[in-house]
Amino acid sequence: MSFLEVHDALFAAYGPQRWWPAKTPFEVMVGAILTQNTAWTNVEKAIANLHAAQAMDAELILHVPQRRVAAWIR
């Protein structure tokens, strides 16, 4: 059985699990990157900061100064 077949069988049996608490695919990516270097509680704070700054957007993050992005995720 291939990986895809296993995935499909599990998905058919259990449906979507919603295990990653994110609103958008971009937020999933941000969370996945941040969890590489910090605890989930701090990732949650960083994501909340990005939302509060209305900065949960790749294009915006790309064009603001690095120090501002660092402050949002610190």
N, C-alpha and C. Protein backbone atom coordinates (compact mmCIF):
# COMPACT_ATOMS: atom_id res chain seq x y z
N MET A 1 0.86 -1.18 0.00
CA MET A 1 0.00 0.00 0.00
C MET A 1 0.90 1.24 0.00
N SER A 2 0.60 2.20 -0.85
CA SER A 2 1.39 3.42 -0.94
C SER A 2 0.97 4.41 0.15
N PHE A 3 1.79 5.41 0.34
CA PHE A 3 1.48 6.46 1.31
C PHE A 3 0.15 7.12 0.98
N LEU A 4 -0.06 7.42 -0.29
CA LEU A 4 -1.30 8.08 -0.69
C LEU A 4 -2.51 7.20 -0.40
N GLU A 5 -2.37 5.91 -0.62
CA GLU A 5 -3.48 4.99 -0.32
C GLU A 5 -3.77 4.96 1.18
N VAL A 6 -2.72 4.96 2.00
CA VAL A 6 -2.90 4.99 3.45
C VAL A 6 -3.59 6.29 3.85
N HIS A 7 -3.10 7.40 3.32
CA HIS A 7 -3.72 8.70 3.61
C HIS A 7 -5.19 8.68 3.24
N ASP A 8 -5.49 8.24 2.04
CA ASP A 8 -6.88 8.23 1.59
C ASP A 8 -7.76 7.34 2.45
N ALA A 9 -7.24 6.18 2.87
CA ALA A 9 -8.01 5.28 3.72
C ALA A 9 -8.28 5.91 5.09
N LEU A 10 -7.26 6.54 5.66
CA LEU A 10 -7.44 7.21 6.96
C LEU A 10 -8.40 8.38 6.84
N PHE A 11 -8.26 9.14 5.77
CA PHE A 11 -9.15 10.29 5.58
C PHE A 11 -10.59 9.83 5.41
N ALA A 12 -10.79 8.75 4.65
CA ALA A 12 -12.14 8.22 4.46
C ALA A 12 -12.73 7.72 5.79
N ALA A 13 -11.89 7.12 6.62
CA ALA A 13 -12.37 6.57 7.89
C ALA A 13 -12.61 7.64 8.95
N TYR A 14 -11.74 8.65 9.00
CA TYR A 14 -11.79 9.60 10.12
C TYR A 14 -12.10 11.04 9.71
N GLY A 15 -12.02 11.34 8.44
CA GLY A 15 -12.30 12.70 7.97
C GLY A 15 -11.20 13.67 8.36
N PRO A 16 -11.41 14.96 8.08
CA PRO A 16 -10.40 15.96 8.42
C PRO A 16 -10.23 16.06 9.94
N GLN A 17 -9.01 16.15 10.39
CA GLN A 17 -8.73 16.17 11.83
C GLN A 17 -8.58 17.57 12.41
N ARG A 18 -8.33 18.54 11.58
CA ARG A 18 -8.18 19.93 12.03
C ARG A 18 -7.19 20.05 13.17
N TRP A 19 -6.08 19.34 13.06
CA TRP A 19 -5.10 19.29 14.14
C TRP A 19 -4.22 20.53 14.19
N TRP A 20 -4.14 21.26 13.12
CA TRP A 20 -3.30 22.45 13.13
C TRP A 20 -4.20 23.66 13.28
N PRO A 21 -4.05 24.41 14.36
CA PRO A 21 -4.96 25.53 14.61
C PRO A 21 -4.61 26.76 13.76
N ALA A 22 -5.01 26.77 12.52
CA ALA A 22 -4.70 27.88 11.63
C ALA A 22 -5.93 28.28 10.84
N LYS A 23 -5.96 29.54 10.46
CA LYS A 23 -7.09 30.05 9.69
C LYS A 23 -6.85 29.95 8.19
N THR A 24 -5.59 29.97 7.78
CA THR A 24 -5.26 29.96 6.34
C THR A 24 -4.04 29.07 6.09
N PRO A 25 -3.85 28.66 4.85
CA PRO A 25 -2.63 27.91 4.53
C PRO A 25 -1.35 28.69 4.84
N PHE A 26 -1.37 30.02 4.63
CA PHE A 26 -0.18 30.82 4.94
C PHE A 26 0.12 30.78 6.43
N GLU A 27 -0.91 30.83 7.24
CA GLU A 27 -0.71 30.75 8.69
C GLU A 27 -0.12 29.40 9.09
N VAL A 28 -0.52 28.34 8.41
CA VAL A 28 0.07 27.02 8.66
C VAL A 28 1.57 27.07 8.36
N MET A 29 1.93 27.70 7.24
CA MET A 29 3.35 27.79 6.87
C MET A 29 4.14 28.60 7.89
N VAL A 30 3.58 29.73 8.32
CA VAL A 30 4.26 30.56 9.32
C VAL A 30 4.45 29.76 10.60
N GLY A 31 3.40 29.10 11.05
CA GLY A 31 3.50 28.30 12.27
C GLY A 31 4.51 27.18 12.14
N ALA A 32 4.52 26.52 10.99
CA ALA A 32 5.47 25.42 10.77
C ALA A 32 6.91 25.91 10.82
N ILE A 33 7.17 27.06 10.24
CA ILE A 33 8.53 27.63 10.26
C ILE A 33 8.91 28.02 11.68
N LEU A 34 8.01 28.72 12.36
CA LEU A 34 8.34 29.19 13.71
C LEU A 34 8.52 28.05 14.70
N THR A 35 7.79 26.95 14.53
CA THR A 35 7.94 25.85 15.48
C THR A 35 9.28 25.15 15.36
N GLN A 36 10.02 25.44 14.32
CA GLN A 36 11.34 24.83 14.18
C GLN A 36 12.31 25.36 15.23
N ASN A 37 12.04 26.55 15.76
CA ASN A 37 13.01 27.19 16.66
C ASN A 37 12.44 27.66 17.99
N THR A 38 11.17 27.37 18.26
CA THR A 38 10.59 27.87 19.50
C THR A 38 9.43 26.98 19.95
N ALA A 39 9.02 27.15 21.16
CA ALA A 39 7.89 26.39 21.71
C ALA A 39 6.58 26.88 21.12
N TRP A 40 5.59 25.99 21.07
CA TRP A 40 4.31 26.35 20.47
C TRP A 40 3.66 27.54 21.16
N THR A 41 3.81 27.67 22.46
CA THR A 41 3.20 28.81 23.15
C THR A 41 3.74 30.13 22.61
N ASN A 42 5.02 30.17 22.28
CA ASN A 42 5.60 31.38 21.70
C ASN A 42 5.19 31.57 20.25
N VAL A 43 4.98 30.48 19.53
CA VAL A 43 4.48 30.57 18.16
C VAL A 43 3.08 31.19 18.18
N GLU A 44 2.25 30.75 19.11
CA GLU A 44 0.90 31.32 19.22
C GLU A 44 0.96 32.83 19.46
N LYS A 45 1.88 33.25 20.31
CA LYS A 45 2.03 34.69 20.58
C LYS A 45 2.48 35.43 19.34
N ALA A 46 3.42 34.86 18.60
CA ALA A 46 3.91 35.50 17.38
C ALA A 46 2.80 35.60 16.34
N ILE A 47 2.03 34.55 16.19
CA ILE A 47 0.92 34.58 15.23
C ILE A 47 -0.12 35.61 15.66
N ALA A 48 -0.40 35.69 16.94
CA ALA A 48 -1.34 36.71 17.44
C ALA A 48 -0.80 38.12 17.15
N ASN A 49 0.50 38.32 17.34
CA ASN A 49 1.11 39.62 17.05
C ASN A 49 0.98 39.96 15.57
N LEU A 50 1.22 38.97 14.70
CA LEU A 50 1.10 39.20 13.26
C LEU A 50 -0.34 39.57 12.90
N HIS A 51 -1.31 38.88 13.49
CA HIS A 51 -2.71 39.22 13.24
C HIS A 51 -3.04 40.61 13.75
N ALA A 52 -2.57 40.94 14.94
CA ALA A 52 -2.85 42.27 15.51
C ALA A 52 -2.28 43.38 14.64
N ALA A 53 -1.14 43.11 14.01
CA ALA A 53 -0.51 44.09 13.12
C ALA A 53 -1.07 44.01 11.70
N GLN A 54 -2.06 43.15 11.50
CA GLN A 54 -2.62 42.90 10.17
C GLN A 54 -1.50 42.55 9.19
N ALA A 55 -0.58 41.70 9.67
CA ALA A 55 0.61 41.37 8.89
C ALA A 55 0.71 39.89 8.56
N MET A 56 -0.39 39.17 8.61
CA MET A 56 -0.36 37.76 8.26
C MET A 56 -0.50 37.65 6.74
N ASP A 57 0.47 38.22 6.05
CA ASP A 57 0.45 38.31 4.59
C ASP A 57 1.88 38.28 4.08
N ALA A 58 2.16 37.36 3.20
CA ALA A 58 3.53 37.18 2.71
C ALA A 58 4.07 38.44 2.03
N GLU A 59 3.26 39.06 1.21
CA GLU A 59 3.70 40.24 0.47
C GLU A 59 4.05 41.39 1.43
N LEU A 60 3.23 41.58 2.44
CA LEU A 60 3.50 42.63 3.43
C LEU A 60 4.78 42.32 4.20
N ILE A 61 4.91 41.09 4.66
CA ILE A 61 6.11 40.70 5.42
C ILE A 61 7.37 40.90 4.58
N LEU A 62 7.26 40.63 3.29
CA LEU A 62 8.40 40.78 2.39
C LEU A 62 8.87 42.23 2.30
N HIS A 63 7.94 43.17 2.43
CA HIS A 63 8.27 44.57 2.17
C HIS A 63 8.44 45.45 3.41
N VAL A 64 8.32 44.90 4.59
CA VAL A 64 8.56 45.71 5.79
C VAL A 64 9.99 45.46 6.27
N PRO A 65 10.55 46.39 7.02
CA PRO A 65 11.91 46.19 7.53
C PRO A 65 12.02 44.93 8.39
N GLN A 66 13.14 44.28 8.29
CA GLN A 66 13.37 43.03 9.02
C GLN A 66 13.18 43.22 10.52
N ARG A 67 13.59 44.36 11.05
CA ARG A 67 13.46 44.60 12.48
C ARG A 67 12.00 44.62 12.92
N ARG A 68 11.10 45.08 12.04
CA ARG A 68 9.67 45.10 12.37
C ARG A 68 9.14 43.67 12.40
N VAL A 69 9.51 42.86 11.41
CA VAL A 69 9.07 41.46 11.40
C VAL A 69 9.60 40.75 12.64
N ALA A 70 10.85 41.02 13.00
CA ALA A 70 11.45 40.40 14.20
C ALA A 70 10.66 40.80 15.44
N ALA A 71 10.23 42.03 15.53
CA ALA A 71 9.45 42.48 16.69
C ALA A 71 8.10 41.77 16.74
N TRP A 72 7.48 41.55 15.58
CA TRP A 72 6.18 40.87 15.55
C TRP A 72 6.31 39.44 16.04
N ILE A 73 7.40 38.76 15.68
CA ILE A 73 7.51 37.35 16.03
C ILE A 73 8.29 37.11 17.31
N ARG A 74 8.83 38.16 17.92
CA ARG A 74 9.58 38.01 19.16
C ARG A 74 8.67 37.73 20.32
